[in-house]
Protein backbone atom coordinates (compact mmCIF):
# COMPACT_ATOMS: atom_id res chain seq x y z
CA MET A 1 0.48 0.15 -0.36
CA GLN A 2 3.22 2.15 1.14
CA TRP A 3 4.36 1.54 -2.25
CA ALA A 4 1.26 2.78 -4.66
CA LEU A 5 1.38 5.87 -2.08
CA ALA A 6 4.96 6.50 -3.47
CA LEU A 7 4.22 5.64 -6.93
CA LEU A 8 1.05 7.65 -7.22
CA ALA A 9 3.32 10.87 -5.64
CA VAL A 10 6.15 10.64 -7.89
CA ALA A 11 3.79 10.38 -10.79
CA ILE A 12 1.63 13.33 -9.98
CA LEU A 13 5.03 15.04 -9.75
CA GLY A 14 6.78 13.71 -13.03
CA VAL A 15 3.02 15.12 -14.15
CA ALA A 16 3.18 18.57 -12.56
CA ALA A 17 6.92 18.96 -13.67
CA ILE A 18 6.10 18.59 -17.65
CA ALA A 19 3.48 21.10 -17.10
CA ALA A 20 5.83 23.41 -15.59
CA SER A 21 8.32 22.50 -18.41
CA GLY A 22 5.10 23.75 -20.88
CA ARG A 23 5.24 20.78 -22.73
CA PHE A 24 0.95 20.91 -22.95
CA GLU A 25 0.11 23.77 -24.48
CA GLY A 26 2.41 26.28 -22.67
CA LEU A 27 0.92 29.00 -20.55
CA PRO A 28 -1.59 31.63 -21.72
CA PRO A 29 0.27 35.11 -22.11
CA VAL A 30 1.19 37.50 -19.56
CA VAL A 31 -2.11 40.21 -19.07
CA ASP A 32 -1.07 43.86 -17.74
CA ASP A 33 -3.64 45.01 -15.93
CA THR A 34 -2.65 47.97 -14.52
CA PRO A 35 -4.61 50.77 -14.65
CA ALA A 36 -2.64 53.59 -16.12
CA PRO A 37 -3.55 57.30 -14.68
CA TYR A 38 -4.91 60.11 -16.43
CA ILE A 39 -2.53 62.23 -18.04
CA PRO A 40 -4.09 64.45 -20.68
CA GLU A 41 -2.30 65.61 -24.13
CA GLY A 42 -0.26 68.21 -24.91
CA GLU A 43 1.02 70.96 -22.31
CA LEU A 44 0.77 69.60 -17.85
CA THR A 45 0.39 72.18 -15.60
CA ALA A 46 1.76 72.30 -12.11
CA ALA A 47 -2.28 71.10 -11.00
CA THR A 48 -2.04 68.05 -13.65
CA LEU A 49 1.49 67.28 -11.97
CA ARG A 50 -0.03 67.18 -8.54
CA GLU A 51 -2.87 65.51 -9.43
CA VAL A 52 -1.45 62.09 -10.70
CA ARG A 53 -1.13 58.90 -8.94
CA PHE A 54 0.66 56.30 -10.22
CA THR A 55 -0.18 52.42 -9.68
CA VAL A 56 1.70 51.03 -6.76
CA GLU A 57 3.17 47.45 -7.36
CA THR A 58 5.09 45.00 -5.78
CA ARG A 59 8.22 46.99 -5.93
CA GLY A 60 6.94 50.79 -5.95
CA TYR A 61 5.62 52.50 -8.39
CA ALA A 62 4.53 51.51 -11.85
CA MET A 63 7.93 52.14 -13.77
CA GLN A 64 6.60 52.36 -17.13
CA GLN A 65 3.97 55.07 -15.84
CA VAL A 66 6.46 56.63 -14.22
CA ASP A 67 8.88 56.81 -17.30
CA ALA A 68 6.18 58.13 -19.42
CA LEU A 69 5.44 60.88 -17.13
CA LEU A 70 8.88 61.97 -17.42
CA ALA A 71 8.94 61.74 -21.04
CA GLN A 72 6.25 64.21 -21.57
CA LEU A 73 7.64 66.49 -19.07
CA ALA A 74 10.81 66.85 -20.42
CA ALA A 75 9.94 67.05 -23.74
CA GLN A 76 7.18 69.88 -22.72
CA MET A 77 10.27 71.73 -21.00
CA THR A 78 12.55 71.15 -23.65
CA ARG A 79 9.92 73.14 -26.31
CA THR A 80 9.56 75.51 -23.54
CA ALA A 81 13.12 76.60 -23.05
CA GLU A 82 13.22 76.45 -26.92
CA ARG A 83 10.57 79.36 -27.29
CA SER A 84 11.56 81.15 -24.35
CA PRO A 85 15.50 81.08 -23.60
CA ASP A 86 14.66 83.42 -20.71
CA LEU A 87 12.75 80.87 -19.18
CA SER A 88 15.75 77.85 -19.56
CA PRO A 89 17.08 76.08 -16.04
CA ALA A 90 19.80 78.26 -13.91
CA THR A 91 22.55 77.77 -15.22
CA GLY A 92 26.29 78.82 -13.58
CA ASP A 93 28.62 81.26 -15.52
CA ASN A 94 30.39 78.60 -17.45
CA GLY A 95 26.86 77.02 -18.45
CA GLU A 96 26.69 74.04 -16.43
CA ASN A 97 23.21 73.82 -14.00
CA ALA A 98 23.65 75.78 -10.99
CA ARG A 99 23.40 73.58 -8.11
CA ILE A 100 20.61 74.79 -5.31
CA ASP A 101 21.54 74.90 -2.09
CA ARG A 102 18.18 73.92 0.22
CA SER A 103 20.23 72.53 3.25
CA SER A 104 19.08 75.34 5.23
CA GLU A 105 15.13 74.33 4.98
CA TRP A 106 16.20 71.26 6.47
CA GLN A 107 17.31 72.94 9.38
CA ARG A 108 15.00 74.52 12.20
């Protein structure tokens, strides 16, 4: 009786291993059911950026959503800088981006 149960267990494990290897039609394609945040087309406003909420996943925010928003924002900032050079980011004397010292904001 014990031998029969052992053989049955080995058979079940063998079938599970074969199924996991994809020999029985394989697994269905992965479904991405992550809801996308609403980001309007065109120019972004400060209010829009404050209202954006990203989907929280296992290891933080959904990377594709954050990357898409940052790409749209970078393109918008580039267009704004090309139209109005006086609105471009602060630069130092040698043209490099100036560093803003905010250390005093954390001191009480």
